[in-house]
Amino acid sequence: MKETYSYEVFRSQKLLIKEINIKSKFIVRASIISFIGASLVACGASLKEYKKFANAGQEYASALDTLLVASGKYAVDANSEKLLRNRLEDTAKETEQENRQNYNETTKQDQQWLMLIGRMRQHTDLLKRYFIALEDLATSDAPAQAQQVTEDIFTQLNDVSISIQAIPLVSETVGSALSEIPQMILSNKIKGTLRKELNMRKETIYKELAIQEFVLELLTIQLQTNLKTIQMNQEYRLLLKPYTAGEPISNPDEWIKNRQDILTMTLSIEALNNASESAKDFKEAFQLLLEDKFTISRANELLSNINSLLKVAEEIKNN
């Protein structure tokens, strides 16, 4: 009887321990989820709002990178068209040395634009990584390690930013864009290491977003000019010259296809007028997030504008 009693007690204790272990796992898991949610709310926004902002940041970076790649391509193509037309219409019969000098000067211009675009792609990628690092800083159980990652990214971002501002295409006029950096007051919901990080760098990050806005406006204006230059020169070279030549057009179907491609090349060009608005919207959204004023409706509006930019960038890239 004693042995039976001992076995039943032992079996009951074993089942109780198993039940406690199972419940403990659920409690720990729920605690982790609650901690992450609370940390995100501590960033000054609800979980949904923070996710919307993070998603907008990734979409913004993707759209801008696509537009930057297209800008570089069309900058080179526009100057190539101008160089070719100068040679085709060389009525002054310039010397080889003069042609070489013209080519070298044009290539130098291309290299400056490509340098700016390359640095801007780095800048955009580092900003995206910095915002991801801020999220990690808010949710990490090892804040010292997360802080070091944030520090490393910010150092790289600052170095790239300085190099962008030193490029002649930017240095002459960027000062006006950085002259009005607002004082931002952090929401009391932001706590701990994240609060320390944002207190130290919030104005600087806002400045980096202002640089993005400024350079994007510069690039979109240049992209519009380049597309019109390409259109004008290709229309002359591929359409008008064959059409007005004494001989019949050698490949009528190709001529018709070229005419369609060339005349529709600038259909998306007007939409570029609002491209820099996406950078401005994202900059303002960052401020709203810090001040606990970033709403779901504002996030949806931001995503809509960025998606429009991405659509335009893809259309231009695929022309």
Protein backbone atom coordinates (compact mmCIF):
# COMPACT_ATOMS: atom_id res chain seq x y z
CA MET A 1 0.00 0.00 0.00
CA LYS A 2 2.88 2.29 0.88
CA GLU A 3 4.67 1.51 -2.38
CA THR A 4 1.47 2.23 -4.36
CA TYR A 5 0.99 5.53 -2.54
CA SER A 6 4.61 6.57 -3.25
CA TYR A 7 4.23 5.76 -6.93
CA GLU A 8 1.01 7.79 -7.23
CA VAL A 9 2.62 10.75 -5.47
CA PHE A 10 5.65 10.52 -7.74
CA ARG A 11 3.43 10.29 -10.86
CA SER A 12 1.35 13.29 -9.73
CA GLN A 13 4.47 15.33 -9.05
CA LYS A 14 5.88 14.45 -12.49
CA LEU A 15 2.66 15.50 -14.25
CA LEU A 16 2.57 18.71 -12.23
CA ILE A 17 6.18 19.55 -13.19
CA LYS A 18 5.41 18.85 -16.86
CA GLU A 19 2.37 21.13 -16.71
CA ILE A 20 4.40 23.87 -15.03
CA ASN A 21 7.12 23.58 -17.71
CA ILE A 22 4.54 23.87 -20.52
CA LYS A 23 2.90 26.88 -18.89
CA SER A 24 6.31 28.43 -18.27
CA LYS A 25 7.15 28.22 -21.96
CA PHE A 26 3.94 30.01 -22.88
CA ILE A 27 4.56 32.63 -20.18
CA VAL A 28 8.14 33.24 -21.37
CA ARG A 29 7.01 33.43 -25.01
CA ALA A 30 4.19 35.81 -24.11
CA SER A 31 6.61 37.91 -22.08
CA ILE A 32 9.01 38.20 -25.02
CA ILE A 33 6.19 39.25 -27.36
CA SER A 34 4.93 41.72 -24.78
CA PHE A 35 8.45 43.10 -24.32
CA ILE A 36 8.93 43.64 -28.06
CA GLY A 37 5.52 45.28 -28.35
CA ALA A 38 6.17 47.47 -25.33
CA SER A 39 9.59 48.44 -26.67
CA LEU A 40 8.13 49.50 -29.99
CA VAL A 41 5.44 51.48 -28.21
CA ALA A 42 8.24 53.02 -26.15
CA CYS A 43 9.67 54.36 -29.39
CA GLY A 44 6.81 56.82 -29.47
CA ALA A 45 4.47 54.87 -31.73
CA SER A 46 2.18 51.89 -31.56
CA LEU A 47 3.32 48.57 -32.99
CA LYS A 48 1.27 49.09 -36.17
CA GLU A 49 2.57 52.63 -36.65
CA TYR A 50 6.17 51.59 -36.12
CA LYS A 51 5.85 48.75 -38.60
CA LYS A 52 4.29 51.13 -41.11
CA PHE A 53 7.19 53.54 -40.66
CA ALA A 54 9.78 50.77 -40.98
CA ASN A 55 8.03 49.47 -44.10
CA ALA A 56 7.91 52.98 -45.56
CA GLY A 57 11.63 53.34 -44.92
CA GLN A 58 12.44 50.16 -46.83
CA GLU A 59 10.13 51.10 -49.71
CA TYR A 60 11.61 54.59 -49.82
CA ALA A 61 15.16 53.22 -50.00
CA SER A 62 14.19 50.78 -52.76
CA ALA A 63 12.42 53.47 -54.83
CA LEU A 64 15.24 55.95 -54.43
CA ASP A 65 17.90 53.39 -55.37
CA THR A 66 16.01 52.52 -58.57
CA LEU A 67 15.72 56.22 -59.43
CA LEU A 68 19.41 56.80 -58.72
CA VAL A 69 20.46 53.97 -61.04
CA ALA A 70 18.21 55.36 -63.80
CA SER A 71 19.63 58.86 -63.24
CA GLY A 72 23.17 57.62 -63.80
CA LYS A 73 22.23 55.76 -66.97
CA TYR A 74 20.44 58.70 -68.54
CA ALA A 75 23.13 61.22 -67.52
CA VAL A 76 25.67 59.24 -69.54
CA ASP A 77 23.26 58.58 -72.43
CA ALA A 78 22.35 62.28 -72.77
CA ASN A 79 25.99 63.33 -73.03
CA SER A 80 26.71 60.47 -75.44
CA GLU A 81 23.93 61.73 -77.71
CA LYS A 82 25.36 65.27 -77.59
CA LEU A 83 28.90 64.05 -78.33
CA LEU A 84 27.67 61.98 -81.27
CA ARG A 85 25.62 64.81 -82.73
CA ASN A 86 28.60 67.17 -82.50
CA ARG A 87 30.66 64.70 -84.54
CA LEU A 88 27.88 64.04 -87.06
CA GLU A 89 27.45 67.78 -87.63
CA ASP A 90 31.11 68.74 -87.44
CA THR A 91 30.87 71.50 -90.03
CA ALA A 92 33.79 73.37 -88.47
CA LYS A 93 35.99 70.29 -88.91
CA GLU A 94 37.46 70.36 -85.43
CA THR A 95 40.91 68.84 -84.97
CA GLU A 96 41.54 65.54 -83.24
CA GLN A 97 42.89 67.42 -80.22
CA GLU A 98 39.75 69.58 -79.99
CA ASN A 99 37.52 66.51 -80.25
CA ARG A 100 39.55 64.75 -77.57
CA GLN A 101 39.28 67.78 -75.27
CA ASN A 102 35.51 67.97 -75.79
CA TYR A 103 35.18 64.26 -75.06
CA ASN A 104 37.32 64.47 -71.90
CA GLU A 105 35.40 67.48 -70.53
CA THR A 106 32.07 65.73 -71.11
CA THR A 107 33.33 62.51 -69.51
CA LYS A 108 34.49 64.52 -66.48
CA GLN A 109 30.93 65.85 -66.08
CA ASP A 110 29.58 62.30 -66.30
CA GLN A 111 32.03 61.10 -63.68
CA GLN A 112 30.93 63.84 -61.26
CA TRP A 113 27.28 62.85 -61.62
CA LEU A 114 28.12 59.15 -61.28
CA MET A 115 30.18 59.87 -58.15
CA LEU A 116 27.27 61.77 -56.62
CA ILE A 117 24.83 59.00 -57.52
CA GLY A 118 27.15 56.32 -56.12
CA ARG A 119 27.54 58.20 -52.84
CA MET A 120 23.80 58.77 -52.63
CA ARG A 121 23.18 55.04 -53.03
CA GLN A 122 25.56 54.42 -50.13
CA HIS A 123 23.85 57.14 -48.10
CA THR A 124 20.40 55.68 -48.74
CA ASP A 125 21.51 52.17 -47.78
CA LEU A 126 23.16 53.40 -44.57
CA LEU A 127 20.06 55.37 -43.58
CA LYS A 128 17.95 52.24 -44.06
CA ARG A 129 20.40 50.23 -41.93
CA TYR A 130 20.40 52.95 -39.27
CA PHE A 131 16.61 52.83 -38.89
CA ILE A 132 16.77 49.02 -38.65
CA ALA A 133 19.47 49.43 -36.00
CA LEU A 134 17.21 51.82 -34.05
CA GLU A 135 14.52 49.15 -34.03
CA ASP A 136 17.07 46.63 -32.78
CA LEU A 137 18.15 49.11 -30.12
CA ALA A 138 14.56 49.39 -28.93
CA THR A 139 13.99 45.62 -28.72
CA SER A 140 17.44 44.20 -27.93
CA ASP A 141 18.20 42.42 -24.65
CA ALA A 142 21.85 43.45 -25.19
CA PRO A 143 21.60 47.25 -25.54
CA ALA A 144 25.37 47.84 -25.30
CA GLN A 145 26.00 45.61 -28.34
CA ALA A 146 23.09 47.16 -30.26
CA GLN A 147 24.41 50.62 -29.39
CA GLN A 148 27.81 49.74 -30.87
CA VAL A 149 26.19 48.59 -34.13
CA THR A 150 24.23 51.86 -34.27
CA GLU A 151 27.42 53.82 -33.60
CA ASP A 152 29.30 52.05 -36.41
CA ILE A 153 26.53 52.68 -38.95
CA PHE A 154 26.22 56.32 -37.94
CA THR A 155 29.99 56.85 -38.34
CA GLN A 156 29.85 55.47 -41.88
CA LEU A 157 26.76 57.56 -42.64
CA ASN A 158 28.48 60.73 -41.43
CA ASP A 159 31.56 60.02 -43.58
CA VAL A 160 29.46 59.49 -46.72
CA SER A 161 27.41 62.60 -45.95
CA ILE A 162 30.55 64.76 -45.71
CA SER A 163 31.80 63.38 -49.05
CA ILE A 164 28.43 64.15 -50.71
CA GLN A 165 28.45 67.74 -49.46
CA ALA A 166 32.01 68.18 -50.81
CA ILE A 167 31.04 67.29 -54.40
CA PRO A 168 30.93 70.54 -56.47
CA LEU A 169 27.46 69.73 -57.83
CA VAL A 170 26.15 69.88 -54.25
CA SER A 171 28.54 72.04 -52.22
CA GLU A 172 27.58 75.37 -53.81
CA THR A 173 23.90 75.24 -52.85
CA VAL A 174 23.31 72.59 -50.17
CA GLY A 175 23.84 75.08 -47.32
CA SER A 176 20.39 76.59 -47.77
CA ALA A 177 18.75 73.17 -47.41
CA LEU A 178 20.51 72.57 -44.08
CA SER A 179 19.99 76.01 -42.59
CA GLU A 180 16.63 75.22 -40.98
CA ILE A 181 16.87 72.08 -38.84
CA PRO A 182 14.01 72.13 -36.29
CA GLN A 183 14.39 71.47 -32.60
CA MET A 184 12.61 68.16 -32.01
CA ILE A 185 11.22 67.22 -28.60
CA LEU A 186 11.23 63.49 -27.92
CA SER A 187 8.07 61.84 -26.68
CA ASN A 188 8.23 60.81 -23.03
CA LYS A 189 7.41 57.29 -24.18
CA ILE A 190 10.94 56.89 -25.54
CA LYS A 191 13.07 55.40 -22.79
CA GLY A 192 16.51 54.03 -21.99
CA THR A 193 19.32 53.55 -24.50
CA LEU A 194 17.09 54.48 -27.43
CA ARG A 195 16.26 57.82 -25.84
CA LYS A 196 19.95 58.51 -25.29
CA GLU A 197 20.73 57.67 -28.93
CA LEU A 198 17.94 59.81 -30.38
CA ASN A 199 18.61 62.73 -28.01
CA MET A 200 22.17 62.75 -29.26
CA ARG A 201 21.47 62.35 -32.99
CA LYS A 202 17.88 63.21 -33.87
CA GLU A 203 18.75 66.59 -35.44
CA THR A 204 21.67 65.04 -37.32
CA ILE A 205 19.47 62.30 -38.77
CA TYR A 206 16.91 64.91 -39.76
CA LYS A 207 19.77 66.76 -41.51
CA GLU A 208 20.70 63.58 -43.41
CA LEU A 209 17.10 63.26 -44.57
CA ALA A 210 17.22 66.94 -45.65
CA ILE A 211 20.32 66.14 -47.73
CA GLN A 212 18.37 63.30 -49.34
CA GLU A 213 15.54 65.68 -50.20
CA PHE A 214 17.93 68.29 -51.64
CA VAL A 215 19.95 65.87 -53.79
CA LEU A 216 16.83 64.05 -54.99
CA GLU A 217 15.39 67.35 -56.20
CA LEU A 218 18.69 68.13 -57.94
CA LEU A 219 18.80 64.71 -59.59
CA THR A 220 15.19 64.71 -60.75
CA ILE A 221 15.62 68.11 -62.43
CA GLN A 222 18.74 66.80 -64.16
CA LEU A 223 16.99 63.56 -65.10
CA GLN A 224 14.16 65.49 -66.73
CA THR A 225 16.71 67.53 -68.71
CA ASN A 226 18.61 64.40 -69.73
CA LEU A 227 15.49 62.58 -70.93
CA LYS A 228 14.51 65.55 -73.09
CA THR A 229 18.05 65.75 -74.50
CA ILE A 230 18.02 62.04 -75.37
CA GLN A 231 14.58 62.33 -76.92
CA MET A 232 15.52 65.32 -79.07
CA ASN A 233 18.78 63.83 -80.34
CA GLN A 234 17.41 60.35 -80.97
CA GLU A 235 14.46 61.81 -82.84
CA TYR A 236 16.89 63.67 -85.09
CA ARG A 237 19.34 60.76 -85.51
CA LEU A 238 16.99 57.77 -85.74
CA LEU A 239 13.80 59.29 -87.15
CA LEU A 240 14.26 62.59 -88.98
CA LYS A 241 17.52 61.86 -90.78
CA PRO A 242 16.38 58.52 -92.26
CA TYR A 243 12.96 59.98 -93.10
CA THR A 244 14.34 62.97 -95.00
CA ALA A 245 17.20 61.10 -96.69
CA GLY A 246 17.11 60.54 -100.47
CA GLU A 247 16.92 56.74 -100.11
CA PRO A 248 13.92 54.76 -98.85
CA ILE A 249 13.89 53.82 -95.15
CA SER A 250 15.78 50.53 -94.99
CA ASN A 251 13.70 48.98 -92.18
CA PRO A 252 10.22 50.57 -91.90
CA ASP A 253 9.09 48.40 -88.98
CA GLU A 254 12.18 49.32 -86.95
CA TRP A 255 11.64 53.01 -87.77
CA ILE A 256 8.02 52.82 -86.52
CA LYS A 257 9.11 51.07 -83.31
CA ASN A 258 11.86 53.64 -82.73
CA ARG A 259 9.38 56.47 -83.22
CA GLN A 260 7.00 54.96 -80.65
CA ASP A 261 9.79 54.47 -78.09
CA ILE A 262 11.28 57.93 -78.59
CA LEU A 263 8.07 59.96 -78.56
CA THR A 264 6.71 58.18 -75.46
CA MET A 265 10.03 58.36 -73.62
CA THR A 266 8.99 61.34 -71.50
CA LEU A 267 5.47 60.20 -70.53
CA SER A 268 6.60 59.70 -66.92
CA ILE A 269 8.62 62.88 -66.78
CA GLU A 270 5.93 65.07 -65.18
CA ALA A 271 5.50 62.61 -62.34
CA LEU A 272 9.13 63.28 -61.38
CA ASN A 273 8.12 66.76 -60.23
CA ASN A 274 6.77 65.16 -57.04
CA ALA A 275 9.72 62.81 -56.52
CA SER A 276 11.50 65.01 -53.98
CA GLU A 277 8.19 65.26 -52.08
CA SER A 278 8.66 61.62 -51.03
CA ALA A 279 11.96 62.50 -49.36
CA LYS A 280 10.31 65.50 -47.69
CA ASP A 281 7.41 63.32 -46.49
CA PHE A 282 9.78 60.74 -45.04
CA LYS A 283 11.79 63.45 -43.26
CA GLU A 284 8.61 64.87 -41.71
CA ALA A 285 7.39 61.37 -40.77
CA PHE A 286 10.60 60.80 -38.81
CA GLN A 287 9.91 63.95 -36.79
CA LEU A 288 6.30 62.92 -36.18
CA LEU A 289 7.41 59.47 -35.02
CA LEU A 290 9.77 60.99 -32.44
CA GLU A 291 7.05 63.31 -31.17
CA ASP A 292 4.41 60.53 -30.96
CA LYS A 293 2.30 62.13 -33.71
CA PHE A 294 2.79 59.52 -36.45
CA THR A 295 -0.70 58.12 -37.12
CA ILE A 296 -1.79 55.15 -39.22
CA SER A 297 -3.47 57.47 -41.75
CA ARG A 298 -0.24 59.47 -42.06
CA ALA A 299 1.69 56.23 -42.54
CA ASN A 300 -0.69 55.07 -45.28
CA GLU A 301 -0.34 58.42 -47.06
CA LEU A 302 3.45 58.16 -46.84
CA LEU A 303 3.44 54.64 -48.27
CA SER A 304 1.15 55.72 -51.10
CA ASN A 305 3.48 58.55 -52.10
CA ILE A 306 6.53 56.30 -51.94
CA ASN A 307 4.81 53.61 -54.02
CA SER A 308 4.05 56.27 -56.65
CA LEU A 309 7.74 57.19 -56.69
CA LEU A 310 8.72 53.54 -57.06
CA LYS A 311 6.30 53.12 -59.99
CA VAL A 312 7.72 56.16 -61.78
CA ALA A 313 11.30 55.03 -61.11
CA GLU A 314 10.59 51.57 -62.53
CA GLU A 315 8.92 53.05 -65.65
CA ILE A 316 11.90 55.31 -66.29
CA LYS A 317 14.36 52.51 -65.63
CA ASN A 318 12.60 50.23 -68.14
CA ASN A 319 12.38 52.83 -70.94
